[in-house]
Amino acid sequence: GKVISVIGGLAACFIFVFPGLCLIQAKLSEMEEVKPASWWALVSYGVLLVTLGAFIFGQTTANAIFVDLL
């Protein structure tokens, strides 16, 4: 049970961080001189996903470790 609770924080990486990184990479690989507003919106959304995923991962993992220590 303790291992499952710690590893549960990794789910945030698979749900938020990796798709966000893939979206950012896909948009940054486009070769356009002028970037339209939709390009900036999708890159911003990717950054939001990565940030949210990192926050959830850190919070979940820290909480699982804290509960296991007590």
PDB file of N, CA and C in Angstrom:
ATOM      1  N   GLY A   1       0.805  -1.198   0.000  1.00  0.00           N
ATOM      2  CA  GLY A   1       0.000   0.000   0.000  1.00  0.00           C
ATOM      3  C   GLY A   1       0.846   1.258   0.000  1.00  0.00           C
ATOM      4  N   LYS A   2       1.959   1.229   0.715  1.00  0.00           N
ATOM      5  CA  LYS A   2       2.810   2.416   0.777  1.00  0.00           C
ATOM      6  C   LYS A   2       3.481   2.693  -0.556  1.00  0.00           C
ATOM      7  N   VAL A   3       3.902   1.634  -1.211  1.00  0.00           N
ATOM      8  CA  VAL A   3       4.552   1.804  -2.513  1.00  0.00           C
ATOM      9  C   VAL A   3       3.554   2.312  -3.541  1.00  0.00           C
ATOM     10  N   ILE A   4       2.338   1.800  -3.501  1.00  0.00           N
ATOM     11  CA  ILE A   4       1.304   2.237  -4.444  1.00  0.00           C
ATOM     12  C   ILE A   4       1.018   3.718  -4.273  1.00  0.00           C
ATOM     13  N   SER A   5       0.976   4.198  -3.031  1.00  0.00           N
ATOM     14  CA  SER A   5       0.681   5.615  -2.820  1.00  0.00           C
ATOM     15  C   SER A   5       1.813   6.508  -3.318  1.00  0.00           C
ATOM     16  N   VAL A   6       3.050   6.053  -3.192  1.00  0.00           N
ATOM     17  CA  VAL A   6       4.168   6.853  -3.703  1.00  0.00           C
ATOM     18  C   VAL A   6       4.181   6.827  -5.227  1.00  0.00           C
ATOM     19  N   ILE A   7       3.958   5.677  -5.811  1.00  0.00           N
ATOM     20  CA  ILE A   7       3.980   5.552  -7.272  1.00  0.00           C
ATOM     21  C   ILE A   7       2.765   6.234  -7.905  1.00  0.00           C
ATOM     22  N   GLY A   8       1.710   6.428  -7.139  1.00  0.00           N
ATOM     23  CA  GLY A   8       0.534   7.120  -7.671  1.00  0.00           C
ATOM     24  C   GLY A   8       0.857   8.523  -8.145  1.00  0.00           C
ATOM     25  N   GLY A   9       1.869   9.148  -7.570  1.00  0.00           N
ATOM     26  CA  GLY A   9       2.280  10.469  -8.019  1.00  0.00           C
ATOM     27  C   GLY A   9       2.840  10.456  -9.432  1.00  0.00           C
ATOM     28  N   LEU A  10       3.341   9.322  -9.876  1.00  0.00           N
ATOM     29  CA  LEU A  10       3.847   9.220 -11.246  1.00  0.00           C
ATOM     30  C   LEU A  10       2.734   9.313 -12.287  1.00  0.00           C
ATOM     31  N   ALA A  11       1.513   9.046 -11.868  1.00  0.00           N
ATOM     32  CA  ALA A  11       0.396   9.144 -12.803  1.00  0.00           C
ATOM     33  C   ALA A  11       0.259  10.560 -13.341  1.00  0.00           C
ATOM     34  N   ALA A  12       0.597  11.550 -12.534  1.00  0.00           N
ATOM     35  CA  ALA A  12       0.538  12.935 -12.999  1.00  0.00           C
ATOM     36  C   ALA A  12       1.485  13.158 -14.168  1.00  0.00           C
ATOM     37  N   CYS A  13       2.624  12.487 -14.156  1.00  0.00           N
ATOM     38  CA  CYS A  13       3.559  12.623 -15.273  1.00  0.00           C
ATOM     39  C   CYS A  13       2.955  12.064 -16.555  1.00  0.00           C
ATOM     40  N   PHE A  14       2.319  10.928 -16.460  1.00  0.00           N
ATOM     41  CA  PHE A  14       1.754  10.309 -17.655  1.00  0.00           C
ATOM     42  C   PHE A  14       0.506  11.029 -18.137  1.00  0.00           C
ATOM     43  N   ILE A  15      -0.236  11.648 -17.233  1.00  0.00           N
ATOM     44  CA  ILE A  15      -1.489  12.300 -17.611  1.00  0.00           C
ATOM     45  C   ILE A  15      -1.261  13.734 -18.073  1.00  0.00           C
ATOM     46  N   PHE A  16      -0.362  14.466 -17.423  1.00  0.00           N
ATOM     47  CA  PHE A  16      -0.193  15.881 -17.720  1.00  0.00           C
ATOM     48  C   PHE A  16       1.157  16.229 -18.341  1.00  0.00           C
ATOM     49  N   VAL A  17       2.238  15.789 -17.739  1.00  0.00           N
ATOM     50  CA  VAL A  17       3.560  16.273 -18.136  1.00  0.00           C
ATOM     51  C   VAL A  17       3.945  15.793 -19.532  1.00  0.00           C
ATOM     52  N   PHE A  18       3.863  14.506 -19.806  1.00  0.00           N
ATOM     53  CA  PHE A  18       4.314  13.999 -21.097  1.00  0.00           C
ATOM     54  C   PHE A  18       3.474  14.506 -22.269  1.00  0.00           C
ATOM     55  N   PRO A  19       2.127  14.528 -22.176  1.00  0.00           N
ATOM     56  CA  PRO A  19       1.375  15.133 -23.285  1.00  0.00           C
ATOM     57  C   PRO A  19       1.688  16.617 -23.475  1.00  0.00           C
ATOM     58  N   GLY A  20       1.912  17.328 -22.362  1.00  0.00           N
ATOM     59  CA  GLY A  20       2.268  18.740 -22.475  1.00  0.00           C
ATOM     60  C   GLY A  20       3.599  18.930 -23.176  1.00  0.00           C
ATOM     61  N   LEU A  21       4.580  18.090 -22.834  1.00  0.00           N
ATOM     62  CA  LEU A  21       5.884  18.168 -23.492  1.00  0.00           C
ATOM     63  C   LEU A  21       5.791  17.809 -24.971  1.00  0.00           C
ATOM     64  N   CYS A  22       4.962  16.815 -25.278  1.00  0.00           N
ATOM     65  CA  CYS A  22       4.782  16.428 -26.688  1.00  0.00           C
ATOM     66  C   CYS A  22       4.110  17.551 -27.480  1.00  0.00           C
ATOM     67  N   LEU A  23       3.136  18.221 -26.877  1.00  0.00           N
ATOM     68  CA  LEU A  23       2.466  19.335 -27.543  1.00  0.00           C
ATOM     69  C   LEU A  23       3.440  20.480 -27.782  1.00  0.00           C
ATOM     70  N   ILE A  24       4.244  20.804 -26.785  1.00  0.00           N
ATOM     71  CA  ILE A  24       5.228  21.877 -26.945  1.00  0.00           C
ATOM     72  C   ILE A  24       6.219  21.521 -28.046  1.00  0.00           C
ATOM     73  N   GLN A  25       6.722  20.285 -28.045  1.00  0.00           N
ATOM     74  CA  GLN A  25       7.684  19.871 -29.065  1.00  0.00           C
ATOM     75  C   GLN A  25       7.069  19.903 -30.466  1.00  0.00           C
ATOM     76  N   ALA A  26       5.812  19.476 -30.576  1.00  0.00           N
ATOM     77  CA  ALA A  26       5.159  19.472 -31.889  1.00  0.00           C
ATOM     78  C   ALA A  26       4.991  20.894 -32.417  1.00  0.00           C
ATOM     79  N   LYS A  27       4.632  21.811 -31.548  1.00  0.00           N
ATOM     80  CA  LYS A  27       4.432  23.187 -31.998  1.00  0.00           C
ATOM     81  C   LYS A  27       5.764  23.894 -32.258  1.00  0.00           C
ATOM     82  N   LEU A  28       6.794  23.580 -31.473  1.00  0.00           N
ATOM     83  CA  LEU A  28       8.083  24.231 -31.692  1.00  0.00           C
ATOM     84  C   LEU A  28       8.779  23.722 -32.954  1.00  0.00           C
ATOM     85  N   SER A  29       8.404  22.533 -33.421  1.00  0.00           N
ATOM     86  CA  SER A  29       9.040  21.994 -34.624  1.00  0.00           C
ATOM     87  C   SER A  29       8.430  22.555 -35.904  1.00  0.00           C
ATOM     88  N   GLU A  30       7.333  23.299 -35.800  1.00  0.00           N
ATOM     89  CA  GLU A  30       6.737  23.911 -36.986  1.00  0.00           C
ATOM     90  C   GLU A  30       7.627  25.041 -37.472  1.00  0.00           C
ATOM     91  N   MET A  31       7.853  25.049 -38.756  1.00  0.00           N
ATOM     92  CA  MET A  31       8.729  26.052 -39.345  1.00  0.00           C
ATOM     93  C   MET A  31       7.884  27.130 -40.034  1.00  0.00           C
ATOM     94  N   GLU A  32       7.455  28.107 -39.276  1.00  0.00           N
ATOM     95  CA  GLU A  32       6.706  29.226 -39.836  1.00  0.00           C
ATOM     96  C   GLU A  32       7.411  30.515 -39.438  1.00  0.00           C
ATOM     97  N   GLU A  33       7.406  31.455 -40.347  1.00  0.00           N
ATOM     98  CA  GLU A  33       8.051  32.732 -40.066  1.00  0.00           C
ATOM     99  C   GLU A  33       7.257  33.524 -39.028  1.00  0.00           C
ATOM    100  N   VAL A  34       5.958  33.636 -39.257  1.00  0.00           N
ATOM    101  CA  VAL A  34       5.082  34.374 -38.338  1.00  0.00           C
ATOM    102  C   VAL A  34       4.203  33.365 -37.615  1.00  0.00           C
ATOM    103  N   LYS A  35       4.216  33.427 -36.308  1.00  0.00           N
ATOM    104  CA  LYS A  35       3.432  32.487 -35.496  1.00  0.00           C
ATOM    105  C   LYS A  35       2.036  33.068 -35.260  1.00  0.00           C
ATOM    106  N   PRO A  36       0.977  32.325 -35.652  1.00  0.00           N
ATOM    107  CA  PRO A  36      -0.383  32.822 -35.401  1.00  0.00           C
ATOM    108  C   PRO A  36      -0.750  32.698 -33.917  1.00  0.00           C
ATOM    109  N   ALA A  37      -1.868  33.303 -33.566  1.00  0.00           N
ATOM    110  CA  ALA A  37      -2.314  33.295 -32.164  1.00  0.00           C
ATOM    111  C   ALA A  37      -2.603  31.882 -31.674  1.00  0.00           C
ATOM    112  N   SER A  38      -3.088  31.003 -32.552  1.00  0.00           N
ATOM    113  CA  SER A  38      -3.363  29.624 -32.133  1.00  0.00           C
ATOM    114  C   SER A  38      -2.082  28.899 -31.752  1.00  0.00           C
ATOM    115  N   TRP A  39      -0.973  29.215 -32.409  1.00  0.00           N
ATOM    116  CA  TRP A  39       0.321  28.606 -32.065  1.00  0.00           C
ATOM    117  C   TRP A  39       0.715  28.990 -30.650  1.00  0.00           C
ATOM    118  N   TRP A  40       0.611  30.266 -30.331  1.00  0.00           N
ATOM    119  CA  TRP A  40       0.953  30.740 -28.990  1.00  0.00           C
ATOM    120  C   TRP A  40       0.014  30.146 -27.948  1.00  0.00           C
ATOM    121  N   ALA A  41      -1.266  30.013 -28.293  1.00  0.00           N
ATOM    122  CA  ALA A  41      -2.239  29.441 -27.349  1.00  0.00           C
ATOM    123  C   ALA A  41      -1.906  27.979 -27.047  1.00  0.00           C
ATOM    124  N   LEU A  42      -1.545  27.199 -28.050  1.00  0.00           N
ATOM    125  CA  LEU A  42      -1.234  25.790 -27.835  1.00  0.00           C
ATOM    126  C   LEU A  42       0.084  25.611 -27.069  1.00  0.00           C
ATOM    127  N   VAL A  43       1.064  26.445 -27.342  1.00  0.00           N
ATOM    128  CA  VAL A  43       2.315  26.367 -26.584  1.00  0.00           C
ATOM    129  C   VAL A  43       2.052  26.746 -25.121  1.00  0.00           C
ATOM    130  N   SER A  44       1.242  27.763 -24.900  1.00  0.00           N
ATOM    131  CA  SER A  44       0.889  28.164 -23.533  1.00  0.00           C
ATOM    132  C   SER A  44       0.125  27.054 -22.815  1.00  0.00           C
ATOM    133  N   TYR A  45      -0.764  26.383 -23.539  1.00  0.00           N
ATOM    134  CA  TYR A  45      -1.506  25.269 -22.958  1.00  0.00           C
ATOM    135  C   TYR A  45      -0.562  24.119 -22.587  1.00  0.00           C
ATOM    136  N   GLY A  46       0.428  23.861 -23.421  1.00  0.00           N
ATOM    137  CA  GLY A  46       1.413  22.839 -23.113  1.00  0.00           C
ATOM    138  C   GLY A  46       2.221  23.184 -21.872  1.00  0.00           C
ATOM    139  N   VAL A  47       2.608  24.443 -21.743  1.00  0.00           N
ATOM    140  CA  VAL A  47       3.343  24.880 -20.550  1.00  0.00           C
ATOM    141  C   VAL A  47       2.459  24.752 -19.318  1.00  0.00           C
ATOM    142  N   LEU A  48       1.176  25.085 -19.449  1.00  0.00           N
ATOM    143  CA  LEU A  48       0.236  24.940 -18.333  1.00  0.00           C
ATOM    144  C   LEU A  48       0.114  23.471 -17.910  1.00  0.00           C
ATOM    145  N   LEU A  49       0.026  22.563 -18.878  1.00  0.00           N
ATOM    146  CA  LEU A  49      -0.065  21.139 -18.567  1.00  0.00           C
ATOM    147  C   LEU A  49       1.184  20.643 -17.838  1.00  0.00           C
ATOM    148  N   VAL A  50       2.351  21.054 -18.288  1.00  0.00           N
ATOM    149  CA  VAL A  50       3.592  20.624 -17.648  1.00  0.00           C
ATOM    150  C   VAL A  50       3.667  21.172 -16.224  1.00  0.00           C
ATOM    151  N   THR A  51       3.309  22.425 -16.047  1.00  0.00           N
ATOM    152  CA  THR A  51       3.343  23.034 -14.717  1.00  0.00           C
ATOM    153  C   THR A  51       2.355  22.360 -13.783  1.00  0.00           C
ATOM    154  N   LEU A  52       1.148  22.141 -14.254  1.00  0.00           N
ATOM    155  CA  LEU A  52       0.124  21.479 -13.441  1.00  0.00           C
ATOM    156  C   LEU A  52       0.543  20.056 -13.087  1.00  0.00           C
ATOM    157  N   GLY A  53       1.079  19.327 -14.041  1.00  0.00           N
ATOM    158  CA  GLY A  53       1.526  17.965 -13.782  1.00  0.00           C
ATOM    159  C   GLY A  53       2.656  17.902 -12.777  1.00  0.00           C
ATOM    160  N   ALA A  54       3.599  18.832 -12.879  1.00  0.00           N
ATOM    161  CA  ALA A  54       4.702  18.859 -11.922  1.00  0.00           C
ATOM    162  C   ALA A  54       4.192  19.197 -10.523  1.00  0.00           C
ATOM    163  N   PHE A  55       3.244  20.114 -10.428  1.00  0.00           N
ATOM    164  CA  PHE A  55       2.676  20.470  -9.125  1.00  0.00           C
ATOM    165  C   PHE A  55       1.945  19.287  -8.506  1.00  0.00           C
ATOM    166  N   ILE A  56       1.106  18.620  -9.290  1.00  0.00           N
ATOM    167  CA  ILE A  56       0.349  17.476  -8.776  1.00  0.00           C
ATOM    168  C   ILE A  56       1.297  16.345  -8.386  1.00  0.00           C
ATOM    169  N   PHE A  57       2.319  16.108  -9.196  1.00  0.00           N
ATOM    170  CA  PHE A  57       3.307  15.072  -8.872  1.00  0.00           C
ATOM    171  C   PHE A  57       3.999  15.380  -7.552  1.00  0.00           C
ATOM    172  N   GLY A  58       4.458  16.599  -7.384  1.00  0.00           N
ATOM    173  CA  GLY A  58       5.142  16.974  -6.154  1.00  0.00           C
ATOM    174  C   GLY A  58       4.241  16.906  -4.941  1.00  0.00           C
ATOM    175  N   GLN A  59       3.021  17.392  -5.084  1.00  0.00           N
ATOM    176  CA  GLN A  59       2.085  17.388  -3.961  1.00  0.00           C
ATOM    177  C   GLN A  59       1.703  15.962  -3.569  1.00  0.00           C
ATOM    178  N   THR A  60       1.396  15.136  -4.535  1.00  0.00           N
ATOM    179  CA  THR A  60       0.973  13.768  -4.256  1.00  0.00           C
ATOM    180  C   THR A  60       2.115  12.951  -3.644  1.00  0.00           C
ATOM    181  N   THR A  61       3.299  13.097  -4.206  1.00  0.00           N
ATOM    182  CA  THR A  61       4.445  12.350  -3.703  1.00  0.00           C
ATOM    183  C   THR A  61       4.835  12.806  -2.299  1.00  0.00           C
ATOM    184  N   ALA A  62       4.850  14.115  -2.077  1.00  0.00           N
ATOM    185  CA  ALA A  62       5.192  14.629  -0.742  1.00  0.00           C
ATOM    186  C   ALA A  62       4.157  14.185   0.290  1.00  0.00           C
ATOM    187  N   ASN A  63       2.888  14.213  -0.077  1.00  0.00           N
ATOM    188  CA  ASN A  63       1.837  13.767   0.845  1.00  0.00           C
ATOM    189  C   ASN A  63       1.972  12.280   1.142  1.00  0.00           C
ATOM    190  N   ALA A  64       2.262  11.472   0.156  1.00  0.00           N
ATOM    191  CA  ALA A  64       2.409  10.028   0.380  1.00  0.00           C
ATOM    192  C   ALA A  64       3.592   9.736   1.282  1.00  0.00           C
ATOM    193  N   ILE A  65       4.702  10.431   1.082  1.00  0.00           N
ATOM    194  CA  ILE A  65       5.871  10.230   1.926  1.00  0.00           C
ATOM    195  C   ILE A  65       5.598  10.702   3.345  1.00  0.00           C
ATOM    196  N   PHE A  66       4.934  11.856   3.477  1.00  0.00           N
ATOM    197  CA  PHE A  66       4.623  12.392   4.795  1.00  0.00           C
ATOM    198  C   PHE A  66       3.708  11.463   5.579  1.00  0.00           C
ATOM    199  N   VAL A  67       2.692  10.924   4.922  1.00  0.00           N
ATOM    200  CA  VAL A  67       1.764  10.003   5.595  1.00  0.00           C
ATOM    201  C   VAL A  67       2.475   8.705   5.967  1.00  0.00           C
ATOM    202  N   ASP A  68       3.367   8.233   5.100  1.00  0.00           N
ATOM    203  CA  ASP A  68       4.099   6.991   5.395  1.00  0.00           C
ATOM    204  C   ASP A  68       5.069   7.152   6.564  1.00  0.00           C
ATOM    205  N   LEU A  69       5.617   8.347   6.738  1.00  0.00           N
ATOM    206  CA  LEU A  69       6.558   8.568   7.843  1.00  0.00           C
ATOM    207  C   LEU A  69       5.848   8.652   9.193  1.00  0.00           C
ATOM    208  N   LEU A  70       4.625   9.111   9.175  1.00  0.00           N
ATOM    209  CA  LEU A  70       3.879   9.208  10.433  1.00  0.00           C
ATOM    210  C   LEU A  70       3.260   7.893  10.719  1.00  0.00           C
TER     211      LEU A  70
END
